[in-house]
Amino acid sequence: MMSYFFVLLCVPLAALLVFGGLAMSRMLAPHHPGDLKNSAYECGEVPIGQAWSQFTIGYYLVGLLFLVFDVDVALLYPWAIAFRQAGWTGFVEAGLFLAVLAVGLLYAWKKGALEWV
């Protein structure tokens, strides 16, 4: 019960620090709006044209594939650490997991998601 006391003590303290810092920043920070300060900033370049532009779907597909295989690595790491304790059941489950990901990779490959145009 004593460990919960410290957690319950830290939660309001953390909230007080966050909101107190935001409030102090709001009160003490200088605020001088103007045309130059409110303009868009693009790496020191003056913005030209519309701010909205279309990107090819390839960027999103590569991002999604990266996310899928990044999660794959994150899920396989604990399995590799506990490989001896998992036994054959764990081995078969990890094999099925990798097989599903391999089917997804083959599907993306056949659909041309890995072609960079």
N, C-alpha and C. Protein backbone atom coordinates (compact mmCIF):
# COMPACT_ATOMS: atom_id res chain seq x y z
N MET A 1 0.83 -1.19 0.00
CA MET A 1 0.00 0.00 0.00
C MET A 1 0.87 1.26 0.00
N MET A 2 2.05 1.15 0.58
CA MET A 2 2.92 2.31 0.67
C MET A 2 3.46 2.71 -0.71
N SER A 3 3.66 1.73 -1.60
CA SER A 3 4.17 2.07 -2.93
C SER A 3 3.13 2.88 -3.72
N TYR A 4 1.84 2.62 -3.52
CA TYR A 4 0.80 3.40 -4.18
C TYR A 4 0.77 4.83 -3.65
N PHE A 5 1.13 5.01 -2.41
CA PHE A 5 1.17 6.35 -1.83
C PHE A 5 2.15 7.24 -2.59
N PHE A 6 3.31 6.71 -2.92
CA PHE A 6 4.30 7.52 -3.62
C PHE A 6 3.87 7.80 -5.06
N VAL A 7 3.19 6.85 -5.68
CA VAL A 7 2.67 7.08 -7.03
C VAL A 7 1.61 8.18 -6.99
N LEU A 8 0.70 8.09 -6.04
CA LEU A 8 -0.35 9.09 -5.91
C LEU A 8 0.21 10.45 -5.50
N LEU A 9 1.35 10.46 -4.87
CA LEU A 9 2.00 11.72 -4.52
C LEU A 9 2.70 12.32 -5.74
N CYS A 10 3.27 11.49 -6.60
CA CYS A 10 4.02 11.98 -7.76
C CYS A 10 3.12 12.47 -8.89
N VAL A 11 1.94 11.90 -9.05
CA VAL A 11 1.07 12.30 -10.15
C VAL A 11 0.63 13.76 -10.03
N PRO A 12 0.12 14.21 -8.88
CA PRO A 12 -0.24 15.63 -8.80
C PRO A 12 1.00 16.55 -8.87
N LEU A 13 2.11 16.09 -8.34
CA LEU A 13 3.32 16.89 -8.41
C LEU A 13 3.78 17.05 -9.85
N ALA A 14 3.71 15.99 -10.65
CA ALA A 14 4.09 16.06 -12.06
C ALA A 14 3.14 16.99 -12.82
N ALA A 15 1.84 16.88 -12.55
CA ALA A 15 0.87 17.75 -13.21
C ALA A 15 1.11 19.21 -12.82
N LEU A 16 1.43 19.46 -11.56
CA LEU A 16 1.70 20.82 -11.10
C LEU A 16 2.95 21.38 -11.80
N LEU A 17 3.98 20.57 -11.96
CA LEU A 17 5.18 21.03 -12.65
C LEU A 17 4.90 21.34 -14.12
N VAL A 18 4.15 20.50 -14.79
CA VAL A 18 3.85 20.72 -16.21
C VAL A 18 3.01 21.97 -16.39
N PHE A 19 1.88 22.03 -15.70
CA PHE A 19 0.98 23.17 -15.88
C PHE A 19 1.56 24.45 -15.30
N GLY A 20 2.33 24.34 -14.24
CA GLY A 20 3.00 25.52 -13.68
C GLY A 20 4.04 26.07 -14.65
N GLY A 21 4.81 25.19 -15.29
CA GLY A 21 5.78 25.64 -16.28
C GLY A 21 5.12 26.30 -17.48
N LEU A 22 4.01 25.72 -17.93
CA LEU A 22 3.28 26.32 -19.05
C LEU A 22 2.71 27.68 -18.68
N ALA A 23 2.16 27.80 -17.48
CA ALA A 23 1.60 29.08 -17.04
C ALA A 23 2.68 30.13 -16.88
N MET A 24 3.82 29.76 -16.31
CA MET A 24 4.91 30.73 -16.14
C MET A 24 5.45 31.16 -17.50
N SER A 25 5.56 30.25 -18.43
CA SER A 25 6.03 30.59 -19.77
C SER A 25 5.06 31.55 -20.44
N ARG A 26 3.78 31.33 -20.25
CA ARG A 26 2.76 32.19 -20.84
C ARG A 26 2.81 33.60 -20.25
N MET A 27 3.08 33.68 -18.95
CA MET A 27 3.09 34.99 -18.29
C MET A 27 4.39 35.76 -18.53
N LEU A 28 5.53 35.07 -18.58
CA LEU A 28 6.81 35.75 -18.62
C LEU A 28 7.40 35.92 -20.02
N ALA A 29 6.97 35.12 -20.98
CA ALA A 29 7.56 35.18 -22.32
C ALA A 29 7.10 36.44 -23.05
N PRO A 30 8.02 37.09 -23.78
CA PRO A 30 7.61 38.28 -24.55
C PRO A 30 6.70 37.88 -25.71
N HIS A 31 5.72 38.72 -26.00
CA HIS A 31 4.77 38.44 -27.06
C HIS A 31 4.68 39.67 -27.95
N HIS A 32 5.34 39.61 -29.12
CA HIS A 32 5.36 40.73 -30.06
C HIS A 32 4.99 40.21 -31.45
N PRO A 33 3.69 39.98 -31.71
CA PRO A 33 3.32 39.47 -33.03
C PRO A 33 3.52 40.53 -34.11
N GLY A 34 3.74 40.07 -35.31
CA GLY A 34 3.91 40.96 -36.46
C GLY A 34 3.85 40.16 -37.74
N ASP A 35 3.89 40.85 -38.87
CA ASP A 35 3.80 40.15 -40.16
C ASP A 35 4.96 39.19 -40.37
N LEU A 36 6.16 39.64 -40.04
CA LEU A 36 7.33 38.79 -40.24
C LEU A 36 7.30 37.58 -39.30
N LYS A 37 6.89 37.80 -38.06
CA LYS A 37 6.87 36.71 -37.08
C LYS A 37 5.77 35.70 -37.39
N ASN A 38 4.67 36.15 -37.97
CA ASN A 38 3.55 35.26 -38.28
C ASN A 38 3.67 34.60 -39.65
N SER A 39 4.71 34.90 -40.42
CA SER A 39 4.86 34.30 -41.73
C SER A 39 5.42 32.88 -41.61
N ALA A 40 5.20 32.08 -42.66
CA ALA A 40 5.71 30.71 -42.67
C ALA A 40 7.22 30.73 -42.79
N TYR A 41 7.87 29.80 -42.12
CA TYR A 41 9.33 29.73 -42.15
C TYR A 41 9.74 28.39 -42.73
N GLU A 42 10.45 28.43 -43.85
CA GLU A 42 10.89 27.21 -44.52
C GLU A 42 12.40 27.24 -44.68
N CYS A 43 13.13 26.90 -43.66
CA CYS A 43 14.59 26.77 -43.73
C CYS A 43 15.27 28.04 -44.23
N GLY A 44 14.76 29.20 -43.88
CA GLY A 44 15.37 30.45 -44.29
C GLY A 44 14.96 30.93 -45.66
N GLU A 45 14.15 30.15 -46.38
CA GLU A 45 13.71 30.53 -47.72
C GLU A 45 12.35 31.21 -47.64
N VAL A 46 12.14 32.17 -48.52
CA VAL A 46 10.84 32.83 -48.60
C VAL A 46 9.86 31.85 -49.25
N PRO A 47 8.69 31.62 -48.63
CA PRO A 47 7.73 30.68 -49.20
C PRO A 47 7.20 31.17 -50.54
N ILE A 48 7.12 30.25 -51.51
CA ILE A 48 6.64 30.56 -52.85
C ILE A 48 5.51 29.60 -53.18
N GLY A 49 4.40 30.11 -53.67
CA GLY A 49 3.30 29.25 -54.12
C GLY A 49 2.42 28.77 -52.98
N GLN A 50 1.67 27.72 -53.28
CA GLN A 50 0.74 27.16 -52.32
C GLN A 50 1.46 26.34 -51.26
N ALA A 51 0.91 26.32 -50.08
CA ALA A 51 1.49 25.52 -49.00
C ALA A 51 1.08 24.05 -49.12
N TRP A 52 0.00 23.79 -49.85
CA TRP A 52 -0.49 22.42 -49.99
C TRP A 52 0.03 21.83 -51.28
N SER A 53 0.63 20.66 -51.20
CA SER A 53 1.09 19.97 -52.40
C SER A 53 0.87 18.47 -52.22
N GLN A 54 0.73 17.77 -53.33
CA GLN A 54 0.49 16.33 -53.28
C GLN A 54 1.82 15.57 -53.28
N PHE A 55 1.85 14.50 -52.52
CA PHE A 55 2.98 13.59 -52.51
C PHE A 55 2.54 12.29 -53.16
N THR A 56 3.48 11.57 -53.72
CA THR A 56 3.11 10.29 -54.31
C THR A 56 2.81 9.29 -53.19
N ILE A 57 2.00 8.33 -53.52
CA ILE A 57 1.60 7.32 -52.53
C ILE A 57 2.78 6.48 -52.08
N GLY A 58 3.87 6.46 -52.87
CA GLY A 58 5.04 5.67 -52.52
C GLY A 58 5.65 6.04 -51.19
N TYR A 59 5.62 7.32 -50.83
CA TYR A 59 6.15 7.75 -49.54
C TYR A 59 5.40 7.09 -48.39
N TYR A 60 4.07 7.05 -48.52
CA TYR A 60 3.25 6.47 -47.46
C TYR A 60 3.42 4.95 -47.40
N LEU A 61 3.53 4.32 -48.56
CA LEU A 61 3.70 2.87 -48.58
C LEU A 61 5.03 2.46 -47.95
N VAL A 62 6.08 3.19 -48.27
CA VAL A 62 7.38 2.88 -47.67
C VAL A 62 7.32 3.12 -46.17
N GLY A 63 6.65 4.18 -45.75
CA GLY A 63 6.49 4.45 -44.31
C GLY A 63 5.74 3.35 -43.60
N LEU A 64 4.66 2.86 -44.21
CA LEU A 64 3.90 1.77 -43.60
C LEU A 64 4.70 0.47 -43.55
N LEU A 65 5.43 0.18 -44.61
CA LEU A 65 6.25 -1.03 -44.60
C LEU A 65 7.34 -0.94 -43.54
N PHE A 66 7.95 0.24 -43.40
CA PHE A 66 8.94 0.42 -42.34
C PHE A 66 8.33 0.20 -40.98
N LEU A 67 7.13 0.74 -40.77
CA LEU A 67 6.46 0.58 -39.48
C LEU A 67 6.17 -0.89 -39.18
N VAL A 68 5.70 -1.61 -40.18
CA VAL A 68 5.39 -3.04 -39.99
C VAL A 68 6.63 -3.81 -39.60
N PHE A 69 7.73 -3.60 -40.30
CA PHE A 69 8.93 -4.39 -40.02
C PHE A 69 9.68 -3.88 -38.80
N ASP A 70 9.46 -2.64 -38.43
CA ASP A 70 10.02 -2.13 -37.18
C ASP A 70 9.32 -2.78 -35.99
N VAL A 71 8.01 -2.90 -36.08
CA VAL A 71 7.25 -3.58 -35.03
C VAL A 71 7.62 -5.06 -34.99
N ASP A 72 7.90 -5.62 -36.14
CA ASP A 72 8.34 -7.01 -36.23
C ASP A 72 9.60 -7.22 -35.40
N VAL A 73 10.57 -6.36 -35.58
CA VAL A 73 11.83 -6.48 -34.83
C VAL A 73 11.57 -6.28 -33.34
N ALA A 74 10.72 -5.33 -33.00
CA ALA A 74 10.43 -5.07 -31.58
C ALA A 74 9.74 -6.27 -30.93
N LEU A 75 8.93 -7.01 -31.69
CA LEU A 75 8.25 -8.18 -31.12
C LEU A 75 9.12 -9.43 -31.12
N LEU A 76 10.08 -9.50 -32.02
CA LEU A 76 10.94 -10.68 -32.05
C LEU A 76 12.08 -10.61 -31.04
N TYR A 77 12.43 -9.43 -30.59
CA TYR A 77 13.53 -9.32 -29.62
C TYR A 77 13.22 -10.05 -28.31
N PRO A 78 12.05 -9.84 -27.68
CA PRO A 78 11.78 -10.61 -26.44
C PRO A 78 11.70 -12.11 -26.70
N TRP A 79 11.21 -12.50 -27.88
CA TRP A 79 11.15 -13.91 -28.21
C TRP A 79 12.55 -14.49 -28.29
N ALA A 80 13.49 -13.76 -28.88
CA ALA A 80 14.86 -14.25 -28.99
C ALA A 80 15.52 -14.36 -27.62
N ILE A 81 15.18 -13.46 -26.72
CA ILE A 81 15.76 -13.50 -25.37
C ILE A 81 15.25 -14.74 -24.62
N ALA A 82 13.97 -15.06 -24.76
CA ALA A 82 13.37 -16.19 -24.04
C ALA A 82 13.21 -17.41 -24.92
N PHE A 83 14.09 -17.57 -25.90
CA PHE A 83 13.95 -18.66 -26.86
C PHE A 83 13.99 -20.03 -26.19
N ARG A 84 14.91 -20.22 -25.26
CA ARG A 84 15.04 -21.55 -24.61
C ARG A 84 13.81 -21.89 -23.76
N GLN A 85 13.23 -20.90 -23.10
CA GLN A 85 12.05 -21.16 -22.26
C GLN A 85 10.78 -21.33 -23.09
N ALA A 86 10.76 -20.77 -24.30
CA ALA A 86 9.54 -20.83 -25.12
C ALA A 86 9.31 -22.23 -25.67
N GLY A 87 10.36 -22.96 -25.92
CA GLY A 87 10.22 -24.33 -26.42
C GLY A 87 9.70 -24.36 -27.85
N TRP A 88 9.18 -25.54 -28.23
CA TRP A 88 8.69 -25.71 -29.59
C TRP A 88 7.44 -24.88 -29.85
N THR A 89 6.63 -24.70 -28.86
CA THR A 89 5.42 -23.89 -29.03
C THR A 89 5.78 -22.46 -29.42
N GLY A 90 6.73 -21.88 -28.70
CA GLY A 90 7.18 -20.53 -29.02
C GLY A 90 7.84 -20.45 -30.39
N PHE A 91 8.57 -21.51 -30.75
CA PHE A 91 9.21 -21.54 -32.06
C PHE A 91 8.17 -21.56 -33.19
N VAL A 92 7.15 -22.38 -33.03
CA VAL A 92 6.09 -22.47 -34.05
C VAL A 92 5.32 -21.15 -34.13
N GLU A 93 5.02 -20.54 -32.98
CA GLU A 93 4.29 -19.27 -32.99
C GLU A 93 5.11 -18.17 -33.67
N ALA A 94 6.40 -18.11 -33.39
CA ALA A 94 7.26 -17.11 -34.04
C ALA A 94 7.36 -17.40 -35.53
N GLY A 95 7.42 -18.66 -35.91
CA GLY A 95 7.44 -19.02 -37.33
C GLY A 95 6.17 -18.60 -38.05
N LEU A 96 5.02 -18.78 -37.40
CA LEU A 96 3.76 -18.33 -38.00
C LEU A 96 3.73 -16.81 -38.12
N PHE A 97 4.22 -16.14 -37.12
CA PHE A 97 4.28 -14.68 -37.14
C PHE A 97 5.15 -14.20 -38.31
N LEU A 98 6.30 -14.81 -38.48
CA LEU A 98 7.18 -14.44 -39.59
C LEU A 98 6.58 -14.83 -40.94
N ALA A 99 5.84 -15.92 -40.99
CA ALA A 99 5.20 -16.33 -42.24
C ALA A 99 4.13 -15.32 -42.66
N VAL A 100 3.36 -14.83 -41.71
CA VAL A 100 2.35 -13.81 -42.04
C VAL A 100 3.03 -12.55 -42.56
N LEU A 101 4.13 -12.15 -41.92
CA LEU A 101 4.86 -10.97 -42.40
C LEU A 101 5.47 -11.21 -43.77
N ALA A 102 5.95 -12.42 -44.02
CA ALA A 102 6.52 -12.74 -45.33
C ALA A 102 5.44 -12.69 -46.41
N VAL A 103 4.25 -13.17 -46.11
CA VAL A 103 3.14 -13.10 -47.07
C VAL A 103 2.80 -11.63 -47.35
N GLY A 104 2.80 -10.80 -46.32
CA GLY A 104 2.54 -9.38 -46.50
C GLY A 104 3.62 -8.72 -47.35
N LEU A 105 4.87 -9.10 -47.14
CA LEU A 105 5.97 -8.56 -47.94
C LEU A 105 5.85 -8.99 -49.40
N LEU A 106 5.53 -10.25 -49.62
CA LEU A 106 5.34 -10.72 -51.00
C LEU A 106 4.18 -10.00 -51.68
N TYR A 107 3.10 -9.77 -50.95
CA TYR A 107 1.95 -9.05 -51.50
C TYR A 107 2.35 -7.62 -51.88
N ALA A 108 3.08 -6.94 -50.99
CA ALA A 108 3.53 -5.57 -51.27
C ALA A 108 4.48 -5.57 -52.47
N TRP A 109 5.32 -6.57 -52.56
CA TRP A 109 6.28 -6.66 -53.66
C TRP A 109 5.54 -6.85 -54.99
N LYS A 110 4.55 -7.75 -55.00
CA LYS A 110 3.79 -8.02 -56.22
C LYS A 110 2.97 -6.81 -56.64
N LYS A 111 2.47 -6.04 -55.68
CA LYS A 111 1.67 -4.85 -55.98
C LYS A 111 2.54 -3.67 -56.41
N GLY A 112 3.86 -3.78 -56.28
CA GLY A 112 4.75 -2.71 -56.71
C GLY A 112 4.99 -1.66 -55.65
N ALA A 113 4.71 -1.97 -54.39
CA ALA A 113 4.90 -0.99 -53.32
C ALA A 113 6.38 -0.71 -53.06
N LEU A 114 7.25 -1.62 -53.48
CA LEU A 114 8.68 -1.43 -53.24
C LEU A 114 9.38 -0.76 -54.41
N GLU A 115 8.65 -0.47 -55.47
CA GLU A 115 9.23 0.22 -56.62
C GLU A 115 9.28 1.70 -56.30
N TRP A 116 10.44 2.30 -56.42
CA TRP A 116 10.58 3.71 -56.11
C TRP A 116 10.55 4.49 -57.41
N VAL A 117 9.50 5.30 -57.59
CA VAL A 117 9.34 6.07 -58.83
C VAL A 117 9.44 7.53 -58.53
